[in-house]
Structures are given as structure tokens and as C-alpha cells.
Amino acid sequence: MSNIVSFENLEGFSQDFNSDRANLIAANAVHKNGILETATDYRGVRSLPNSFSVDLKTGKITDQKASGRCWIF
């Protein structure tokens, strides 16, 4: 067995890939949405808890009057 990938090998790989409809669907999904979005398993995302048990103390709301600083907070 040779360790060199020839043009004939590449042609065979391409034909094998293109002969499977699932590969073409996956390739189109990656092309349209990107690899990270396509590879995300949303079943796992939905299984994560949406509630947290840590409560933070919050201060009182302050009036910045017309200082324009409200966007900082």
C-alpha cells in the first residue's frame, strides 16, 4: 500500500462522497450555515437547565438625571 494520495485516489474519494445523498445534504448545510452551526446538537442544548440557583444582590436603581451615563450601566 502506497502512502501517496494520487489524483486517481482523489477522483475515487470524490465519486464515493458524491454518490451518497446524505453527504450532499451535509455539505450543503455546512456551506449555507457554517460548520459550527451545522454541527451543534440542539438536543443537548435543550437538555441544559434554564434556571440557576445563584441569586445576586442588586442595588437600588439610581437616577443619573440627564448626565447621559445610563448607557454605561
PDB file of N, CA and C in Angstrom:
ATOM      1  N   MET A   1       0.846  -1.190   0.000  1.00  0.00           N
ATOM      2  CA  MET A   1       0.000   0.000   0.000  1.00  0.00           C
ATOM      3  C   MET A   1       0.882   1.241   0.000  1.00  0.00           C
ATOM      4  N   SER A   2       0.562   2.157  -0.868  1.00  0.00           N
ATOM      5  CA  SER A   2       1.332   3.381  -1.001  1.00  0.00           C
ATOM      6  C   SER A   2       0.796   4.445  -0.046  1.00  0.00           C
ATOM      7  N   ASN A   3       1.682   5.282   0.472  1.00  0.00           N
ATOM      8  CA  ASN A   3       1.287   6.378   1.357  1.00  0.00           C
ATOM      9  C   ASN A   3       1.004   7.663   0.594  1.00  0.00           C
ATOM     10  N   ILE A   4       1.061   7.584  -0.723  1.00  0.00           N
ATOM     11  CA  ILE A   4       0.857   8.762  -1.554  1.00  0.00           C
ATOM     12  C   ILE A   4      -0.594   8.795  -2.029  1.00  0.00           C
ATOM     13  N   VAL A   5      -1.213   9.953  -1.919  1.00  0.00           N
ATOM     14  CA  VAL A   5      -2.573  10.127  -2.423  1.00  0.00           C
ATOM     15  C   VAL A   5      -2.460  10.633  -3.862  1.00  0.00           C
ATOM     16  N   SER A   6      -2.905   9.826  -4.788  1.00  0.00           N
ATOM     17  CA  SER A   6      -2.802  10.183  -6.205  1.00  0.00           C
ATOM     18  C   SER A   6      -4.069  10.897  -6.663  1.00  0.00           C
ATOM     19  N   PHE A   7      -4.002  11.435  -7.872  1.00  0.00           N
ATOM     20  CA  PHE A   7      -5.186  12.072  -8.447  1.00  0.00           C
ATOM     21  C   PHE A   7      -6.300  11.051  -8.656  1.00  0.00           C
ATOM     22  N   GLU A   8      -5.930   9.821  -8.956  1.00  0.00           N
ATOM     23  CA  GLU A   8      -6.926   8.763  -9.108  1.00  0.00           C
ATOM     24  C   GLU A   8      -7.631   8.494  -7.774  1.00  0.00           C
ATOM     25  N   ASN A   9      -6.845   8.499  -6.683  1.00  0.00           N
ATOM     26  CA  ASN A   9      -7.447   8.340  -5.356  1.00  0.00           C
ATOM     27  C   ASN A   9      -8.443   9.466  -5.077  1.00  0.00           C
ATOM     28  N   LEU A  10      -8.041  10.687  -5.360  1.00  0.00           N
ATOM     29  CA  LEU A  10      -8.909  11.837  -5.106  1.00  0.00           C
ATOM     30  C   LEU A  10     -10.196  11.748  -5.917  1.00  0.00           C
ATOM     31  N   GLU A  11     -10.075  11.318  -7.167  1.00  0.00           N
ATOM     32  CA  GLU A  11     -11.264  11.165  -8.007  1.00  0.00           C
ATOM     33  C   GLU A  11     -12.195  10.109  -7.427  1.00  0.00           C
ATOM     34  N   GLY A  12     -11.628   9.007  -6.954  1.00  0.00           N
ATOM     35  CA  GLY A  12     -12.433   7.955  -6.331  1.00  0.00           C
ATOM     36  C   GLY A  12     -13.102   8.433  -5.054  1.00  0.00           C
ATOM     37  N   PHE A  13     -12.355   9.180  -4.228  1.00  0.00           N
ATOM     38  CA  PHE A  13     -12.927   9.726  -2.994  1.00  0.00           C
ATOM     39  C   PHE A  13     -14.095  10.655  -3.321  1.00  0.00           C
ATOM     40  N   SER A  14     -13.909  11.494  -4.335  1.00  0.00           N
ATOM     41  CA  SER A  14     -14.951  12.433  -4.729  1.00  0.00           C
ATOM     42  C   SER A  14     -16.197  11.699  -5.224  1.00  0.00           C
ATOM     43  N   GLN A  15     -16.008  10.679  -6.041  1.00  0.00           N
ATOM     44  CA  GLN A  15     -17.148   9.905  -6.541  1.00  0.00           C
ATOM     45  C   GLN A  15     -17.873   9.193  -5.405  1.00  0.00           C
ATOM     46  N   ASP A  16     -17.113   8.613  -4.478  1.00  0.00           N
ATOM     47  CA  ASP A  16     -17.729   7.938  -3.329  1.00  0.00           C
ATOM     48  C   ASP A  16     -18.546   8.922  -2.492  1.00  0.00           C
ATOM     49  N   PHE A  17     -17.961  10.091  -2.245  1.00  0.00           N
ATOM     50  CA  PHE A  17     -18.646  11.105  -1.442  1.00  0.00           C
ATOM     51  C   PHE A  17     -19.933  11.559  -2.127  1.00  0.00           C
ATOM     52  N   ASN A  18     -19.828  11.868  -3.414  1.00  0.00           N
ATOM     53  CA  ASN A  18     -20.975  12.405  -4.148  1.00  0.00           C
ATOM     54  C   ASN A  18     -22.052  11.369  -4.425  1.00  0.00           C
ATOM     55  N   SER A  19     -21.744  10.096  -4.272  1.00  0.00           N
ATOM     56  CA  SER A  19     -22.744   9.059  -4.534  1.00  0.00           C
ATOM     57  C   SER A  19     -23.715   8.874  -3.364  1.00  0.00           C
ATOM     58  N   ASP A  20     -23.397   9.439  -2.212  1.00  0.00           N
ATOM     59  CA  ASP A  20     -24.255   9.304  -1.031  1.00  0.00           C
ATOM     60  C   ASP A  20     -25.032  10.608  -0.818  1.00  0.00           C
ATOM     61  N   ARG A  21     -26.352  10.534  -0.911  1.00  0.00           N
ATOM     62  CA  ARG A  21     -27.198  11.726  -0.776  1.00  0.00           C
ATOM     63  C   ARG A  21     -27.013  12.410   0.580  1.00  0.00           C
ATOM     64  N   ALA A  22     -26.793  11.647   1.637  1.00  0.00           N
ATOM     65  CA  ALA A  22     -26.601  12.238   2.970  1.00  0.00           C
ATOM     66  C   ALA A  22     -25.363  13.131   2.993  1.00  0.00           C
ATOM     67  N   ASN A  23     -24.315  12.742   2.273  1.00  0.00           N
ATOM     68  CA  ASN A  23     -23.110  13.571   2.208  1.00  0.00           C
ATOM     69  C   ASN A  23     -23.404  14.902   1.524  1.00  0.00           C
ATOM     70  N   LEU A  24     -24.188  14.863   0.458  1.00  0.00           N
ATOM     71  CA  LEU A  24     -24.517  16.097  -0.259  1.00  0.00           C
ATOM     72  C   LEU A  24     -25.384  17.016   0.594  1.00  0.00           C
ATOM     73  N   ILE A  25     -26.315  16.447   1.332  1.00  0.00           N
ATOM     74  CA  ILE A  25     -27.156  17.252   2.230  1.00  0.00           C
ATOM     75  C   ILE A  25     -26.299  17.893   3.319  1.00  0.00           C
ATOM     76  N   ALA A  26     -25.382  17.116   3.897  1.00  0.00           N
ATOM     77  CA  ALA A  26     -24.498  17.651   4.938  1.00  0.00           C
ATOM     78  C   ALA A  26     -23.593  18.740   4.375  1.00  0.00           C
ATOM     79  N   ALA A  27     -23.059  18.532   3.179  1.00  0.00           N
ATOM     80  CA  ALA A  27     -22.182  19.530   2.564  1.00  0.00           C
ATOM     81  C   ALA A  27     -22.944  20.826   2.296  1.00  0.00           C
ATOM     82  N   ASN A  28     -24.180  20.713   1.825  1.00  0.00           N
ATOM     83  CA  ASN A  28     -24.990  21.913   1.584  1.00  0.00           C
ATOM     84  C   ASN A  28     -25.299  22.641   2.887  1.00  0.00           C
ATOM     85  N   ALA A  29     -25.585  21.902   3.944  1.00  0.00           N
ATOM     86  CA  ALA A  29     -25.876  22.517   5.244  1.00  0.00           C
ATOM     87  C   ALA A  29     -24.663  23.269   5.776  1.00  0.00           C
ATOM     88  N   VAL A  30     -23.486  22.674   5.652  1.00  0.00           N
ATOM     89  CA  VAL A  30     -22.261  23.330   6.120  1.00  0.00           C
ATOM     90  C   VAL A  30     -21.979  24.568   5.283  1.00  0.00           C
ATOM     91  N   HIS A  31     -22.173  24.459   3.980  1.00  0.00           N
ATOM     92  CA  HIS A  31     -21.915  25.599   3.100  1.00  0.00           C
ATOM     93  C   HIS A  31     -22.849  26.764   3.423  1.00  0.00           C
ATOM     94  N   LYS A  32     -24.107  26.471   3.696  1.00  0.00           N
ATOM     95  CA  LYS A  32     -25.098  27.526   3.954  1.00  0.00           C
ATOM     96  C   LYS A  32     -24.981  28.105   5.366  1.00  0.00           C
ATOM     97  N   ASN A  33     -24.744  27.242   6.383  1.00  0.00           N
ATOM     98  CA  ASN A  33     -24.824  27.668   7.783  1.00  0.00           C
ATOM     99  C   ASN A  33     -23.492  27.729   8.509  1.00  0.00           C
ATOM    100  N   GLY A  34     -22.440  27.184   7.958  1.00  0.00           N
ATOM    101  CA  GLY A  34     -21.156  27.122   8.645  1.00  0.00           C
ATOM    102  C   GLY A  34     -21.046  25.839   9.454  1.00  0.00           C
ATOM    103  N   ILE A  35     -19.819  25.430   9.730  1.00  0.00           N
ATOM    104  CA  ILE A  35     -19.576  24.141  10.389  1.00  0.00           C
ATOM    105  C   ILE A  35     -20.068  24.135  11.834  1.00  0.00           C
ATOM    106  N   LEU A  36     -19.879  25.224  12.580  1.00  0.00           N
ATOM    107  CA  LEU A  36     -20.272  25.230  13.991  1.00  0.00           C
ATOM    108  C   LEU A  36     -21.785  25.153  14.158  1.00  0.00           C
ATOM    109  N   GLU A  37     -22.510  25.927  13.360  1.00  0.00           N
ATOM    110  CA  GLU A  37     -23.970  25.911  13.450  1.00  0.00           C
ATOM    111  C   GLU A  37     -24.521  24.560  13.005  1.00  0.00           C
ATOM    112  N   THR A  38     -23.944  24.003  11.958  1.00  0.00           N
ATOM    113  CA  THR A  38     -24.416  22.718  11.449  1.00  0.00           C
ATOM    114  C   THR A  38     -24.110  21.588  12.424  1.00  0.00           C
ATOM    115  N   ALA A  39     -22.972  21.656  13.097  1.00  0.00           N
ATOM    116  CA  ALA A  39     -22.550  20.569  13.979  1.00  0.00           C
ATOM    117  C   ALA A  39     -23.171  20.641  15.372  1.00  0.00           C
ATOM    118  N   THR A  40     -23.851  21.729  15.704  1.00  0.00           N
ATOM    119  CA  THR A  40     -24.453  21.864  17.029  1.00  0.00           C
ATOM    120  C   THR A  40     -25.590  20.863  17.198  1.00  0.00           C
ATOM    121  N   ASP A  41     -25.545  20.125  18.285  1.00  0.00           N
ATOM    122  CA  ASP A  41     -26.601  19.159  18.601  1.00  0.00           C
ATOM    123  C   ASP A  41     -27.591  19.852  19.531  1.00  0.00           C
ATOM    124  N   TYR A  42     -28.712  20.287  18.987  1.00  0.00           N
ATOM    125  CA  TYR A  42     -29.668  21.062  19.770  1.00  0.00           C
ATOM    126  C   TYR A  42     -30.420  20.223  20.789  1.00  0.00           C
ATOM    127  N   ARG A  43     -30.373  18.905  20.649  1.00  0.00           N
ATOM    128  CA  ARG A  43     -30.955  18.065  21.705  1.00  0.00           C
ATOM    129  C   ARG A  43     -30.163  18.276  22.994  1.00  0.00           C
ATOM    130  N   GLY A  44     -28.864  18.393  22.882  1.00  0.00           N
ATOM    131  CA  GLY A  44     -28.027  18.661  24.045  1.00  0.00           C
ATOM    132  C   GLY A  44     -28.261  20.047  24.607  1.00  0.00           C
ATOM    133  N   VAL A  45     -28.409  21.022  23.732  1.00  0.00           N
ATOM    134  CA  VAL A  45     -28.661  22.394  24.175  1.00  0.00           C
ATOM    135  C   VAL A  45     -29.979  22.469  24.937  1.00  0.00           C
ATOM    136  N   ARG A  46     -31.024  21.814  24.415  1.00  0.00           N
ATOM    137  CA  ARG A  46     -32.331  21.846  25.079  1.00  0.00           C
ATOM    138  C   ARG A  46     -32.314  21.108  26.411  1.00  0.00           C
ATOM    139  N   SER A  47     -31.398  20.163  26.585  1.00  0.00           N
ATOM    140  CA  SER A  47     -31.372  19.399  27.831  1.00  0.00           C
ATOM    141  C   SER A  47     -30.685  20.151  28.971  1.00  0.00           C
ATOM    142  N   LEU A  48     -30.013  21.261  28.666  1.00  0.00           N
ATOM    143  CA  LEU A  48     -29.355  22.043  29.710  1.00  0.00           C
ATOM    144  C   LEU A  48     -30.404  22.793  30.530  1.00  0.00           C
ATOM    145  N   PRO A  49     -30.196  22.908  31.834  1.00  0.00           N
ATOM    146  CA  PRO A  49     -31.184  23.617  32.663  1.00  0.00           C
ATOM    147  C   PRO A  49     -31.187  25.115  32.356  1.00  0.00           C
ATOM    148  N   ASN A  50     -32.367  25.703  32.389  1.00  0.00           N
ATOM    149  CA  ASN A  50     -32.501  27.138  32.136  1.00  0.00           C
ATOM    150  C   ASN A  50     -32.617  27.947  33.415  1.00  0.00           C
ATOM    151  N   SER A  51     -32.593  27.299  34.562  1.00  0.00           N
ATOM    152  CA  SER A  51     -32.698  28.028  35.820  1.00  0.00           C
ATOM    153  C   SER A  51     -31.400  27.867  36.600  1.00  0.00           C
ATOM    154  N   PHE A  52     -31.104  28.865  37.389  1.00  0.00           N
ATOM    155  CA  PHE A  52     -29.873  28.880  38.161  1.00  0.00           C
ATOM    156  C   PHE A  52     -30.208  29.070  39.631  1.00  0.00           C
ATOM    157  N   SER A  53     -29.368  28.538  40.491  1.00  0.00           N
ATOM    158  CA  SER A  53     -29.641  28.604  41.921  1.00  0.00           C
ATOM    159  C   SER A  53     -28.836  29.695  42.622  1.00  0.00           C
ATOM    160  N   VAL A  54     -28.196  30.556  41.875  1.00  0.00           N
ATOM    161  CA  VAL A  54     -27.401  31.624  42.468  1.00  0.00           C
ATOM    162  C   VAL A  54     -28.186  32.930  42.349  1.00  0.00           C
ATOM    163  N   ASP A  55     -28.444  33.564  43.476  1.00  0.00           N
ATOM    164  CA  ASP A  55     -29.120  34.853  43.481  1.00  0.00           C
ATOM    165  C   ASP A  55     -28.102  35.931  43.822  1.00  0.00           C
ATOM    166  N   LEU A  56     -28.055  36.954  43.013  1.00  0.00           N
ATOM    167  CA  LEU A  56     -27.133  38.060  43.240  1.00  0.00           C
ATOM    168  C   LEU A  56     -27.876  39.207  43.901  1.00  0.00           C
ATOM    169  N   LYS A  57     -27.206  39.853  44.837  1.00  0.00           N
ATOM    170  CA  LYS A  57     -27.791  41.032  45.466  1.00  0.00           C
ATOM    171  C   LYS A  57     -27.663  42.196  44.490  1.00  0.00           C
ATOM    172  N   THR A  58     -28.732  42.900  44.322  1.00  0.00           N
ATOM    173  CA  THR A  58     -28.705  44.046  43.422  1.00  0.00           C
ATOM    174  C   THR A  58     -28.977  45.307  44.218  1.00  0.00           C
ATOM    175  N   GLY A  59     -28.339  46.368  43.793  1.00  0.00           N
ATOM    176  CA  GLY A  59     -28.519  47.645  44.466  1.00  0.00           C
ATOM    177  C   GLY A  59     -29.769  48.348  43.973  1.00  0.00           C
ATOM    178  N   LYS A  60     -30.013  49.504  44.543  1.00  0.00           N
ATOM    179  CA  LYS A  60     -31.171  50.298  44.142  1.00  0.00           C
ATOM    180  C   LYS A  60     -30.889  50.959  42.794  1.00  0.00           C
ATOM    181  N   ILE A  61     -31.946  51.252  42.105  1.00  0.00           N
ATOM    182  CA  ILE A  61     -31.821  51.958  40.837  1.00  0.00           C
ATOM    183  C   ILE A  61     -31.470  53.403  41.145  1.00  0.00           C
ATOM    184  N   THR A  62     -30.496  53.922  40.433  1.00  0.00           N
ATOM    185  CA  THR A  62     -30.076  55.308  40.668  1.00  0.00           C
ATOM    186  C   THR A  62     -30.532  56.186  39.511  1.00  0.00           C
ATOM    187  N   ASP A  63     -30.768  57.423  39.823  1.00  0.00           N
ATOM    188  CA  ASP A  63     -31.194  58.386  38.810  1.00  0.00           C
ATOM    189  C   ASP A  63     -29.964  59.156  38.359  1.00  0.00           C
ATOM    190  N   GLN A  64     -29.591  58.957  37.109  1.00  0.00           N
ATOM    191  CA  GLN A  64     -28.435  59.686  36.585  1.00  0.00           C
ATOM    192  C   GLN A  64     -28.824  61.071  36.074  1.00  0.00           C
ATOM    193  N   LYS A  65     -30.081  61.397  36.262  1.00  0.00           N
ATOM    194  CA  LYS A  65     -30.631  62.675  35.793  1.00  0.00           C
ATOM    195  C   LYS A  65     -30.375  62.781  34.292  1.00  0.00           C
ATOM    196  N   ALA A  66     -29.870  63.824  33.803  1.00  0.00           N
ATOM    197  CA  ALA A  66     -29.645  63.963  32.360  1.00  0.00           C
ATOM    198  C   ALA A  66     -28.161  63.877  32.040  1.00  0.00           C
ATOM    199  N   SER A  67     -27.413  63.087  32.813  1.00  0.00           N
ATOM    200  CA  SER A  67     -25.961  63.057  32.650  1.00  0.00           C
ATOM    201  C   SER A  67     -25.514  62.263  31.421  1.00  0.00           C
ATOM    202  N   GLY A  68     -26.402  61.448  30.860  1.00  0.00           N
ATOM    203  CA  GLY A  68     -26.024  60.643  29.707  1.00  0.00           C
ATOM    204  C   GLY A  68     -25.243  59.398  30.081  1.00  0.00           C
ATOM    205  N   ARG A  69     -25.149  59.074  31.377  1.00  0.00           N
ATOM    206  CA  ARG A  69     -24.367  57.918  31.808  1.00  0.00           C
ATOM    207  C   ARG A  69     -25.182  56.636  31.851  1.00  0.00           C
ATOM    208  N   CYS A  70     -26.462  56.679  31.555  1.00  0.00           N
ATOM    209  CA  CYS A  70     -27.292  55.498  31.714  1.00  0.00           C
ATOM    210  C   CYS A  70     -26.811  54.351  30.832  1.00  0.00           C
ATOM    211  N   TRP A  71     -26.203  54.628  29.703  1.00  0.00           N
ATOM    212  CA  TRP A  71     -25.737  53.571  28.815  1.00  0.00           C
ATOM    213  C   TRP A  71     -24.540  52.825  29.401  1.00  0.00           C
ATOM    214  N   ILE A  72     -23.829  53.407  30.353  1.00  0.00           N
ATOM    215  CA  ILE A  72     -22.672  52.746  30.967  1.00  0.00           C
ATOM    216  C   ILE A  72     -23.120  51.568  31.805  1.00  0.00           C
ATOM    217  N   PHE A  73     -24.273  51.664  32.418  1.00  0.00           N
ATOM    218  CA  PHE A  73     -24.743  50.640  33.329  1.00  0.00           C
ATOM    219  C   PHE A  73     -25.727  49.762  32.627  1.00  0.00           C
TER     220      PHE A  73
END
